[in-house]
N, C-alpha and C. Protein backbone atom coordinates (compact mmCIF):
# COMPACT_ATOMS: atom_id res chain seq x y z
N UNK A 1 26.02 -12.57 53.46
CA UNK A 1 25.90 -12.38 52.04
C UNK A 1 25.11 -13.53 51.40
N UNK A 2 25.41 -14.76 51.89
CA UNK A 2 24.73 -15.92 51.35
C UNK A 2 23.24 -15.86 51.67
N UNK A 3 22.89 -15.38 52.89
CA UNK A 3 21.49 -15.24 53.28
C UNK A 3 20.79 -14.20 52.40
N UNK A 4 21.46 -13.11 52.15
CA UNK A 4 20.91 -12.04 51.34
C UNK A 4 20.62 -12.53 49.92
N UNK A 5 21.56 -13.29 49.36
CA UNK A 5 21.39 -13.83 48.01
C UNK A 5 20.23 -14.83 47.97
N UNK A 6 20.12 -15.65 48.99
CA UNK A 6 19.02 -16.62 49.07
C UNK A 6 17.68 -15.90 49.16
N UNK A 7 17.60 -14.88 50.00
CA UNK A 7 16.36 -14.11 50.15
C UNK A 7 16.00 -13.42 48.84
N UNK A 8 17.00 -12.85 48.17
CA UNK A 8 16.77 -12.17 46.90
C UNK A 8 16.25 -13.14 45.83
N UNK A 9 16.83 -14.31 45.74
CA UNK A 9 16.38 -15.32 44.77
C UNK A 9 14.96 -15.78 45.10
N UNK A 10 14.68 -15.99 46.37
CA UNK A 10 13.34 -16.41 46.80
C UNK A 10 12.32 -15.33 46.47
N UNK A 11 12.65 -14.08 46.75
CA UNK A 11 11.74 -12.97 46.46
C UNK A 11 11.47 -12.85 44.97
N UNK A 12 12.50 -13.01 44.16
CA UNK A 12 12.33 -12.93 42.70
C UNK A 12 11.46 -14.08 42.20
N UNK A 13 11.66 -15.28 42.72
CA UNK A 13 10.89 -16.44 42.30
C UNK A 13 9.41 -16.23 42.63
N UNK A 14 9.14 -15.78 43.83
CA UNK A 14 7.75 -15.53 44.23
C UNK A 14 7.16 -14.40 43.39
N UNK A 15 7.91 -13.36 43.19
CA UNK A 15 7.43 -12.22 42.39
C UNK A 15 7.10 -12.62 40.97
N UNK A 16 7.97 -13.41 40.34
CA UNK A 16 7.72 -13.85 38.97
C UNK A 16 6.48 -14.74 38.89
N UNK A 17 6.31 -15.61 39.88
CA UNK A 17 5.15 -16.51 39.84
C UNK A 17 3.85 -15.74 40.03
N UNK A 18 3.86 -14.69 40.85
CA UNK A 18 2.66 -13.87 41.05
C UNK A 18 2.31 -13.14 39.76
N UNK A 19 3.29 -12.53 39.11
CA UNK A 19 3.03 -11.78 37.89
C UNK A 19 2.76 -12.68 36.69
N UNK A 20 3.16 -13.93 36.78
CA UNK A 20 2.95 -14.86 35.67
C UNK A 20 1.53 -15.39 35.64
N UNK A 21 0.79 -15.23 36.74
CA UNK A 21 -0.58 -15.73 36.77
C UNK A 21 -1.45 -14.91 35.84
N UNK A 22 -2.33 -15.59 35.14
CA UNK A 22 -3.23 -14.94 34.20
C UNK A 22 -4.35 -14.25 34.97
N UNK A 23 -4.40 -12.96 34.90
CA UNK A 23 -5.42 -12.21 35.62
C UNK A 23 -6.74 -12.16 34.85
N UNK A 24 -6.74 -12.56 33.60
CA UNK A 24 -7.93 -12.55 32.77
C UNK A 24 -8.44 -13.96 32.56
N UNK A 25 -8.62 -14.67 33.65
CA UNK A 25 -9.12 -16.04 33.56
C UNK A 25 -10.57 -15.97 33.12
N UNK A 26 -10.86 -16.58 31.99
CA UNK A 26 -12.21 -16.56 31.41
C UNK A 26 -13.01 -17.72 31.96
N UNK A 27 -14.17 -17.41 32.52
CA UNK A 27 -15.04 -18.48 32.96
C UNK A 27 -15.80 -18.99 31.76
N UNK A 28 -16.39 -20.17 31.91
CA UNK A 28 -17.14 -20.75 30.80
C UNK A 28 -18.32 -19.86 30.45
N UNK A 29 -18.48 -19.61 29.18
CA UNK A 29 -19.58 -18.80 28.69
C UNK A 29 -20.15 -19.45 27.44
N UNK A 30 -21.44 -19.28 27.24
CA UNK A 30 -22.06 -19.72 26.00
C UNK A 30 -21.70 -18.73 24.91
N UNK A 31 -21.94 -19.10 23.66
CA UNK A 31 -21.66 -18.21 22.54
C UNK A 31 -22.48 -16.93 22.65
N UNK A 32 -23.74 -17.07 23.04
CA UNK A 32 -24.62 -15.90 23.17
C UNK A 32 -24.08 -14.97 24.25
N UNK A 33 -23.65 -15.54 25.38
CA UNK A 33 -23.09 -14.71 26.45
C UNK A 33 -21.82 -14.00 26.00
N UNK A 34 -20.99 -14.67 25.22
CA UNK A 34 -19.76 -14.06 24.73
C UNK A 34 -20.07 -12.86 23.84
N UNK A 35 -21.09 -12.98 22.99
CA UNK A 35 -21.47 -11.86 22.12
C UNK A 35 -22.00 -10.70 22.96
N UNK A 36 -22.81 -11.02 23.99
CA UNK A 36 -23.38 -9.96 24.83
C UNK A 36 -22.30 -9.23 25.63
N UNK A 37 -21.19 -9.90 25.91
CA UNK A 37 -20.11 -9.29 26.68
C UNK A 37 -19.08 -8.57 25.81
N UNK A 38 -19.24 -8.67 24.49
CA UNK A 38 -18.29 -8.07 23.56
C UNK A 38 -18.31 -6.55 23.71
N UNK A 39 -17.14 -5.98 23.89
CA UNK A 39 -17.03 -4.53 24.05
C UNK A 39 -16.96 -3.85 22.70
N UNK A 40 -17.49 -2.63 22.62
CA UNK A 40 -17.42 -1.86 21.40
C UNK A 40 -18.41 -2.31 20.34
N UNK A 41 -19.47 -2.99 20.75
CA UNK A 41 -20.46 -3.47 19.79
C UNK A 41 -21.84 -2.96 20.17
N UNK A 42 -22.66 -2.79 19.16
CA UNK A 42 -24.06 -2.42 19.38
C UNK A 42 -24.86 -3.72 19.28
N UNK A 43 -25.45 -4.13 20.39
CA UNK A 43 -26.13 -5.42 20.49
C UNK A 43 -27.62 -5.20 20.74
N UNK A 44 -28.44 -5.93 20.01
CA UNK A 44 -29.89 -5.92 20.20
C UNK A 44 -30.27 -7.26 20.81
N UNK A 45 -30.90 -7.24 21.99
CA UNK A 45 -31.34 -8.47 22.66
C UNK A 45 -32.86 -8.52 22.65
N UNK A 46 -33.41 -9.63 22.17
CA UNK A 46 -34.85 -9.82 22.15
C UNK A 46 -35.20 -11.05 22.98
N UNK A 47 -36.13 -10.91 23.92
CA UNK A 47 -36.57 -12.01 24.78
C UNK A 47 -37.99 -12.37 24.39
N UNK A 48 -38.16 -13.51 23.73
CA UNK A 48 -39.46 -13.94 23.23
C UNK A 48 -40.02 -14.98 24.20
N UNK A 49 -41.17 -14.68 24.82
CA UNK A 49 -41.76 -15.65 25.76
C UNK A 49 -41.99 -17.00 25.06
N UNK A 50 -41.70 -18.07 25.80
CA UNK A 50 -41.84 -19.40 25.23
C UNK A 50 -42.87 -20.18 26.02
N UNK A 51 -42.48 -20.89 27.05
CA UNK A 51 -43.43 -21.62 27.89
C UNK A 51 -42.76 -22.04 29.19
N UNK A 52 -43.57 -22.58 30.08
CA UNK A 52 -43.09 -23.04 31.38
C UNK A 52 -43.32 -24.54 31.49
N UNK A 53 -42.32 -25.23 32.04
CA UNK A 53 -42.41 -26.67 32.27
C UNK A 53 -41.72 -26.99 33.58
N UNK A 54 -42.41 -27.68 34.47
CA UNK A 54 -41.84 -28.11 35.75
C UNK A 54 -41.23 -26.94 36.51
N UNK A 55 -41.94 -25.84 36.56
CA UNK A 55 -41.53 -24.62 37.28
C UNK A 55 -40.31 -23.93 36.67
N UNK A 56 -39.97 -24.30 35.45
CA UNK A 56 -38.87 -23.65 34.73
C UNK A 56 -39.48 -22.88 33.57
N UNK A 57 -39.22 -21.58 33.54
CA UNK A 57 -39.75 -20.73 32.47
C UNK A 57 -38.70 -20.59 31.38
N UNK A 58 -39.13 -20.75 30.14
CA UNK A 58 -38.23 -20.62 29.01
C UNK A 58 -38.56 -19.40 28.17
N UNK A 59 -37.53 -18.73 27.72
CA UNK A 59 -37.66 -17.62 26.77
C UNK A 59 -36.64 -17.86 25.66
N UNK A 60 -37.05 -17.57 24.43
CA UNK A 60 -36.11 -17.64 23.32
C UNK A 60 -35.37 -16.30 23.31
N UNK A 61 -34.06 -16.37 23.32
CA UNK A 61 -33.24 -15.17 23.30
C UNK A 61 -32.59 -15.04 21.93
N UNK A 62 -32.84 -13.90 21.28
CA UNK A 62 -32.20 -13.60 20.00
C UNK A 62 -31.28 -12.41 20.23
N UNK A 63 -30.00 -12.63 19.97
CA UNK A 63 -29.00 -11.58 20.15
C UNK A 63 -28.46 -11.24 18.76
N UNK A 64 -28.61 -9.96 18.39
CA UNK A 64 -28.17 -9.51 17.08
C UNK A 64 -27.07 -8.47 17.23
N UNK A 65 -25.97 -8.69 16.53
CA UNK A 65 -24.90 -7.68 16.45
C UNK A 65 -25.32 -6.72 15.35
N UNK A 66 -25.77 -5.54 15.74
CA UNK A 66 -26.34 -4.58 14.80
C UNK A 66 -25.32 -4.13 13.76
N UNK A 67 -24.05 -4.07 14.14
CA UNK A 67 -23.02 -3.58 13.21
C UNK A 67 -22.82 -4.50 12.01
N UNK A 68 -22.96 -5.82 12.21
CA UNK A 68 -22.76 -6.73 11.07
C UNK A 68 -24.00 -7.56 10.73
N UNK A 69 -25.07 -7.43 11.51
CA UNK A 69 -26.33 -8.11 11.21
C UNK A 69 -26.39 -9.57 11.59
N UNK A 70 -25.36 -10.12 12.20
CA UNK A 70 -25.38 -11.54 12.57
C UNK A 70 -26.21 -11.75 13.85
N UNK A 71 -26.87 -12.89 13.92
CA UNK A 71 -27.72 -13.20 15.06
C UNK A 71 -27.37 -14.57 15.63
N UNK A 72 -27.50 -14.68 16.93
CA UNK A 72 -27.37 -15.95 17.64
C UNK A 72 -28.63 -16.15 18.46
N UNK A 73 -28.97 -17.42 18.69
CA UNK A 73 -30.17 -17.75 19.44
C UNK A 73 -29.80 -18.60 20.65
N UNK A 74 -30.64 -18.50 21.66
CA UNK A 74 -30.44 -19.31 22.84
C UNK A 74 -31.76 -19.51 23.57
N UNK A 75 -31.74 -20.41 24.52
CA UNK A 75 -32.89 -20.66 25.37
C UNK A 75 -32.54 -20.19 26.76
N UNK A 76 -33.24 -19.17 27.22
CA UNK A 76 -33.01 -18.61 28.56
C UNK A 76 -33.96 -19.33 29.51
N UNK A 77 -33.42 -19.96 30.55
CA UNK A 77 -34.19 -20.70 31.54
C UNK A 77 -34.19 -19.94 32.85
N UNK A 78 -35.36 -19.84 33.47
CA UNK A 78 -35.49 -19.11 34.73
C UNK A 78 -36.26 -19.97 35.72
N UNK A 79 -35.83 -19.91 36.97
CA UNK A 79 -36.50 -20.65 38.04
C UNK A 79 -36.43 -19.82 39.32
N UNK A 80 -37.56 -19.74 40.03
CA UNK A 80 -37.57 -19.07 41.33
C UNK A 80 -37.33 -20.13 42.40
N UNK A 81 -36.33 -19.90 43.25
CA UNK A 81 -36.02 -20.88 44.29
C UNK A 81 -36.26 -20.27 45.66
N UNK A 82 -36.51 -21.15 46.61
CA UNK A 82 -36.70 -20.76 48.00
C UNK A 82 -36.01 -21.79 48.86
N UNK A 83 -34.87 -21.42 49.45
CA UNK A 83 -34.15 -22.32 50.35
C UNK A 83 -34.48 -22.01 51.81
N UNK A 84 -34.71 -20.76 52.10
CA UNK A 84 -35.12 -20.32 53.44
C UNK A 84 -35.62 -18.90 53.31
N UNK A 85 -36.12 -18.34 54.41
CA UNK A 85 -36.60 -16.96 54.32
C UNK A 85 -35.46 -15.98 54.06
N UNK A 86 -34.23 -16.41 54.27
CA UNK A 86 -33.07 -15.56 54.02
C UNK A 86 -32.38 -15.88 52.69
N UNK A 87 -32.78 -16.96 52.06
CA UNK A 87 -32.11 -17.39 50.84
C UNK A 87 -33.14 -17.81 49.79
N UNK A 88 -33.57 -16.85 49.01
CA UNK A 88 -34.50 -17.12 47.92
C UNK A 88 -34.18 -16.16 46.79
N UNK A 89 -34.64 -16.48 45.61
CA UNK A 89 -34.37 -15.60 44.49
C UNK A 89 -34.67 -16.27 43.17
N UNK A 90 -34.09 -15.70 42.13
CA UNK A 90 -34.30 -16.19 40.78
C UNK A 90 -32.98 -16.67 40.20
N UNK A 91 -32.99 -17.86 39.65
CA UNK A 91 -31.82 -18.39 38.95
C UNK A 91 -32.09 -18.32 37.46
N UNK A 92 -31.08 -17.94 36.70
CA UNK A 92 -31.22 -17.84 35.26
C UNK A 92 -30.03 -18.52 34.61
N UNK A 93 -30.30 -19.25 33.56
CA UNK A 93 -29.24 -19.90 32.80
C UNK A 93 -29.54 -19.79 31.32
N UNK A 94 -28.53 -20.05 30.51
CA UNK A 94 -28.67 -19.89 29.07
C UNK A 94 -28.06 -21.07 28.34
N UNK A 95 -28.81 -21.60 27.39
CA UNK A 95 -28.32 -22.66 26.52
C UNK A 95 -28.25 -22.10 25.10
N UNK A 96 -27.12 -22.25 24.44
CA UNK A 96 -27.01 -21.87 23.04
C UNK A 96 -27.92 -22.76 22.21
N UNK A 97 -28.37 -22.24 21.08
CA UNK A 97 -29.21 -23.04 20.19
C UNK A 97 -28.52 -24.35 19.82
N UNK A 98 -27.20 -24.29 19.62
CA UNK A 98 -26.46 -25.50 19.23
C UNK A 98 -26.37 -26.54 20.35
N UNK A 99 -26.64 -26.13 21.58
CA UNK A 99 -26.60 -27.07 22.70
C UNK A 99 -27.91 -27.81 22.90
N UNK A 100 -28.98 -27.31 22.30
CA UNK A 100 -30.30 -27.91 22.50
C UNK A 100 -30.32 -29.37 22.05
N UNK A 101 -29.68 -29.67 20.93
CA UNK A 101 -29.62 -31.07 20.45
C UNK A 101 -28.95 -31.98 21.48
N UNK A 102 -27.91 -31.48 22.14
CA UNK A 102 -27.21 -32.29 23.15
C UNK A 102 -28.11 -32.53 24.36
N UNK A 103 -28.89 -31.52 24.74
CA UNK A 103 -29.81 -31.68 25.87
C UNK A 103 -30.88 -32.72 25.50
N UNK A 104 -31.42 -32.61 24.30
CA UNK A 104 -32.45 -33.57 23.86
C UNK A 104 -31.86 -34.98 23.82
N UNK A 105 -30.65 -35.13 23.29
CA UNK A 105 -30.00 -36.45 23.24
C UNK A 105 -29.78 -37.00 24.65
N UNK A 106 -29.38 -36.14 25.57
CA UNK A 106 -29.19 -36.56 26.96
C UNK A 106 -30.50 -37.07 27.55
N UNK A 107 -31.57 -36.30 27.37
CA UNK A 107 -32.86 -36.69 27.95
C UNK A 107 -33.41 -37.95 27.28
N UNK A 108 -33.17 -38.13 25.99
CA UNK A 108 -33.60 -39.37 25.32
C UNK A 108 -32.79 -40.56 25.82
N UNK A 109 -31.50 -40.36 26.07
CA UNK A 109 -30.67 -41.43 26.65
C UNK A 109 -31.18 -41.78 28.06
N UNK A 110 -31.50 -40.75 28.83
CA UNK A 110 -32.04 -40.98 30.18
C UNK A 110 -33.34 -41.78 30.08
N UNK A 111 -34.19 -41.43 29.11
CA UNK A 111 -35.47 -42.11 28.93
C UNK A 111 -35.29 -43.60 28.64
N UNK A 112 -34.24 -43.94 27.89
CA UNK A 112 -33.97 -45.35 27.55
C UNK A 112 -33.27 -46.08 28.69
N UNK A 113 -32.44 -45.35 29.45
CA UNK A 113 -31.58 -45.98 30.44
C UNK A 113 -32.24 -46.16 31.81
N UNK A 114 -32.95 -45.16 32.30
CA UNK A 114 -33.53 -45.25 33.65
C UNK A 114 -34.39 -46.48 33.87
N UNK A 115 -35.24 -46.87 32.91
CA UNK A 115 -36.07 -48.06 33.16
C UNK A 115 -35.27 -49.36 33.31
N UNK A 116 -34.03 -49.38 32.86
CA UNK A 116 -33.22 -50.60 32.97
C UNK A 116 -32.60 -50.76 34.36
N UNK A 117 -32.63 -49.72 35.16
CA UNK A 117 -32.04 -49.79 36.50
C UNK A 117 -32.99 -50.50 37.45
N UNK A 118 -32.42 -51.33 38.33
CA UNK A 118 -33.20 -52.03 39.34
C UNK A 118 -32.87 -51.45 40.71
N UNK A 119 -33.55 -51.95 41.72
CA UNK A 119 -33.29 -51.48 43.08
C UNK A 119 -31.84 -51.78 43.50
N UNK A 120 -31.25 -52.82 42.91
CA UNK A 120 -29.88 -53.21 43.24
C UNK A 120 -28.83 -52.38 42.48
N UNK A 121 -29.25 -51.62 41.49
CA UNK A 121 -28.31 -50.79 40.73
C UNK A 121 -27.72 -49.75 41.68
N UNK A 122 -26.40 -49.59 41.70
CA UNK A 122 -25.81 -48.60 42.60
C UNK A 122 -26.18 -47.18 42.19
N UNK A 123 -25.90 -46.24 43.07
CA UNK A 123 -26.18 -44.84 42.77
C UNK A 123 -25.54 -44.50 41.42
N UNK A 124 -26.33 -43.92 40.52
CA UNK A 124 -25.87 -43.62 39.18
C UNK A 124 -26.40 -42.25 38.76
N UNK A 125 -25.55 -41.47 38.11
CA UNK A 125 -25.95 -40.17 37.55
C UNK A 125 -25.64 -40.15 36.06
N UNK A 126 -26.50 -39.49 35.32
CA UNK A 126 -26.28 -39.19 33.91
C UNK A 126 -26.35 -37.68 33.81
N UNK A 127 -25.30 -37.03 33.29
CA UNK A 127 -25.30 -35.57 33.28
C UNK A 127 -24.82 -35.01 31.94
N UNK A 128 -25.36 -33.85 31.64
CA UNK A 128 -24.88 -33.01 30.53
C UNK A 128 -24.60 -31.64 31.13
N UNK A 129 -23.40 -31.13 30.91
CA UNK A 129 -23.04 -29.81 31.43
C UNK A 129 -22.89 -28.85 30.25
N UNK A 130 -23.65 -27.76 30.30
CA UNK A 130 -23.65 -26.79 29.21
C UNK A 130 -22.43 -25.87 29.30
N UNK A 131 -22.21 -25.11 28.23
CA UNK A 131 -21.10 -24.16 28.20
C UNK A 131 -21.22 -23.09 29.28
N UNK A 132 -22.45 -22.76 29.65
CA UNK A 132 -22.65 -21.72 30.66
C UNK A 132 -22.73 -22.27 32.08
N UNK A 133 -22.61 -23.60 32.22
CA UNK A 133 -22.56 -24.18 33.56
C UNK A 133 -23.83 -24.86 34.03
N UNK A 134 -24.91 -24.77 33.27
CA UNK A 134 -26.13 -25.49 33.65
C UNK A 134 -25.87 -26.98 33.51
N UNK A 135 -26.33 -27.76 34.49
CA UNK A 135 -26.20 -29.21 34.42
C UNK A 135 -27.60 -29.81 34.35
N UNK A 136 -27.80 -30.67 33.35
CA UNK A 136 -29.08 -31.35 33.18
C UNK A 136 -28.80 -32.84 33.20
N UNK A 137 -29.62 -33.57 33.93
CA UNK A 137 -29.38 -35.00 33.99
C UNK A 137 -30.40 -35.73 34.82
N UNK A 138 -30.00 -36.90 35.28
CA UNK A 138 -30.87 -37.75 36.07
C UNK A 138 -30.03 -38.55 37.05
N UNK A 139 -30.68 -39.03 38.10
CA UNK A 139 -29.98 -39.92 39.03
C UNK A 139 -30.89 -41.07 39.43
N UNK A 140 -30.24 -42.16 39.82
CA UNK A 140 -30.92 -43.35 40.32
C UNK A 140 -30.28 -43.68 41.67
N UNK A 141 -31.11 -43.81 42.70
CA UNK A 141 -30.60 -44.13 44.03
C UNK A 141 -31.63 -44.95 44.78
N UNK A 142 -31.27 -46.17 45.14
CA UNK A 142 -32.15 -47.05 45.91
C UNK A 142 -33.56 -47.15 45.31
N UNK A 143 -33.63 -47.27 44.00
CA UNK A 143 -34.92 -47.40 43.33
C UNK A 143 -35.60 -46.08 43.02
N UNK A 144 -35.12 -44.98 43.59
CA UNK A 144 -35.69 -43.66 43.30
C UNK A 144 -34.99 -43.07 42.09
N UNK A 145 -35.78 -42.48 41.20
CA UNK A 145 -35.22 -41.88 39.99
C UNK A 145 -35.82 -40.50 39.79
N UNK A 146 -34.95 -39.53 39.52
CA UNK A 146 -35.40 -38.16 39.26
C UNK A 146 -34.55 -37.53 38.17
N UNK A 147 -35.14 -36.56 37.52
CA UNK A 147 -34.45 -35.73 36.55
C UNK A 147 -34.07 -34.46 37.32
N UNK A 148 -32.98 -33.81 36.93
CA UNK A 148 -32.65 -32.55 37.59
C UNK A 148 -32.06 -31.56 36.61
N UNK A 149 -32.23 -30.31 36.95
CA UNK A 149 -31.62 -29.20 36.22
C UNK A 149 -30.97 -28.32 37.28
N UNK A 150 -29.66 -28.24 37.25
CA UNK A 150 -28.91 -27.50 38.25
C UNK A 150 -28.43 -26.18 37.64
N UNK A 151 -28.92 -25.08 38.21
CA UNK A 151 -28.51 -23.76 37.75
C UNK A 151 -27.16 -23.37 38.34
N UNK A 152 -27.05 -23.54 39.64
CA UNK A 152 -25.83 -23.18 40.36
C UNK A 152 -25.83 -23.92 41.69
N UNK A 153 -24.90 -23.56 42.56
CA UNK A 153 -24.77 -24.28 43.83
C UNK A 153 -25.98 -24.09 44.74
N UNK A 154 -26.81 -23.08 44.50
CA UNK A 154 -27.97 -22.83 45.35
C UNK A 154 -29.26 -23.45 44.81
N UNK A 155 -29.34 -23.61 43.52
CA UNK A 155 -30.62 -23.94 42.92
C UNK A 155 -30.54 -25.15 41.99
N UNK A 156 -31.15 -26.23 42.43
CA UNK A 156 -31.32 -27.42 41.61
C UNK A 156 -32.80 -27.75 41.59
N UNK A 157 -33.36 -27.92 40.40
CA UNK A 157 -34.76 -28.27 40.24
C UNK A 157 -34.84 -29.78 40.03
N UNK A 158 -35.62 -30.46 40.87
CA UNK A 158 -35.81 -31.90 40.73
C UNK A 158 -37.16 -32.15 40.08
N UNK A 159 -37.16 -33.01 39.08
CA UNK A 159 -38.35 -33.29 38.29
C UNK A 159 -38.60 -34.79 38.32
N UNK A 160 -39.83 -35.15 38.56
CA UNK A 160 -40.19 -36.57 38.61
C UNK A 160 -39.86 -37.25 37.28
N UNK A 161 -39.38 -38.47 37.34
CA UNK A 161 -39.06 -39.23 36.13
C UNK A 161 -40.30 -39.42 35.27
N UNK A 162 -41.49 -39.38 35.88
CA UNK A 162 -42.73 -39.52 35.10
C UNK A 162 -42.98 -38.30 34.20
N UNK A 163 -42.31 -37.19 34.47
CA UNK A 163 -42.44 -35.98 33.65
C UNK A 163 -41.36 -35.85 32.59
N UNK A 164 -40.57 -36.92 32.41
CA UNK A 164 -39.45 -36.86 31.48
C UNK A 164 -39.87 -36.53 30.05
N UNK A 165 -40.96 -37.14 29.57
CA UNK A 165 -41.39 -36.90 28.20
C UNK A 165 -41.78 -35.43 27.99
N UNK A 166 -42.53 -34.86 28.91
CA UNK A 166 -42.93 -33.45 28.75
C UNK A 166 -41.73 -32.52 28.89
N UNK A 167 -40.76 -32.89 29.73
CA UNK A 167 -39.55 -32.08 29.88
C UNK A 167 -38.72 -32.13 28.60
N UNK A 168 -38.63 -33.32 27.99
CA UNK A 168 -37.92 -33.46 26.71
C UNK A 168 -38.62 -32.65 25.62
N UNK A 169 -39.95 -32.72 25.59
CA UNK A 169 -40.71 -31.96 24.60
C UNK A 169 -40.54 -30.46 24.76
N UNK A 170 -40.31 -30.00 25.97
CA UNK A 170 -40.04 -28.58 26.22
C UNK A 170 -38.84 -28.13 25.38
N UNK A 171 -37.79 -28.91 25.36
CA UNK A 171 -36.58 -28.57 24.60
C UNK A 171 -36.79 -28.79 23.10
N UNK A 172 -37.54 -29.82 22.73
CA UNK A 172 -37.83 -30.04 21.31
C UNK A 172 -38.66 -28.88 20.74
N UNK A 173 -39.65 -28.43 21.51
CA UNK A 173 -40.48 -27.30 21.08
C UNK A 173 -39.65 -26.01 20.98
N UNK A 174 -38.71 -25.83 21.90
CA UNK A 174 -37.83 -24.66 21.84
C UNK A 174 -37.00 -24.69 20.57
N UNK A 175 -36.49 -25.85 20.23
CA UNK A 175 -35.69 -25.98 19.00
C UNK A 175 -36.54 -25.65 17.77
N UNK A 176 -37.75 -26.17 17.73
CA UNK A 176 -38.64 -25.91 16.60
C UNK A 176 -38.94 -24.42 16.48
N UNK A 177 -39.19 -23.76 17.62
CA UNK A 177 -39.49 -22.32 17.59
C UNK A 177 -38.27 -21.53 17.09
N UNK A 178 -37.08 -21.89 17.57
CA UNK A 178 -35.87 -21.19 17.14
C UNK A 178 -35.60 -21.41 15.65
N UNK A 179 -35.83 -22.62 15.16
CA UNK A 179 -35.65 -22.90 13.74
C UNK A 179 -36.60 -22.03 12.91
N UNK A 180 -37.81 -21.87 13.41
CA UNK A 180 -38.79 -21.02 12.72
C UNK A 180 -38.38 -19.56 12.69
N UNK A 181 -37.53 -19.17 13.61
CA UNK A 181 -37.03 -17.80 13.67
C UNK A 181 -35.74 -17.61 12.89
N UNK A 182 -35.17 -18.72 12.39
CA UNK A 182 -33.96 -18.62 11.58
C UNK A 182 -32.69 -19.13 12.23
N UNK A 183 -32.81 -19.78 13.40
CA UNK A 183 -31.62 -20.30 14.09
C UNK A 183 -31.03 -21.48 13.34
N UNK A 184 -29.72 -21.58 13.34
CA UNK A 184 -28.99 -22.68 12.73
C UNK A 184 -28.55 -23.64 13.83
N UNK A 185 -28.73 -24.94 13.56
CA UNK A 185 -28.35 -25.96 14.54
C UNK A 185 -27.23 -26.81 14.02
């Protein structure tokens, strides 16, 4: 009887813990992605070609909820990667318009900080992680310095530190274009 009671209590405890787990775990999403995933809405998506920098193509994304007329803007980034003949493809990421200022601030901080590192400076990373999971930053290792944009575990774009100004201007120009279209920052 004691064994039966112990087994019953154990089974109930395990059962409750399984059912208590949240099955609707929300992954990180940008505001634009959240609107696009909204059910029961009529959504208009416009992809406006922007420009390419360091093998990264940018498009301005305007998402409009037709039912209430509200619009959100974002910067859609695309990169073609090739890891092997069996592993290649296109990576896409999205930055909300409101995140662009943080990316620019990160890259400006990198621009001021990287030149202060010497060969003796230990391995150092500076990173900004977006709501949708894109990581933008820089690293210093044994005197080598690079900028990077990581889409996911398969695709990281490495950019020479000498291209930092043009990479920063890519985001500044995107912000200017979105502002001209009516985006709020």
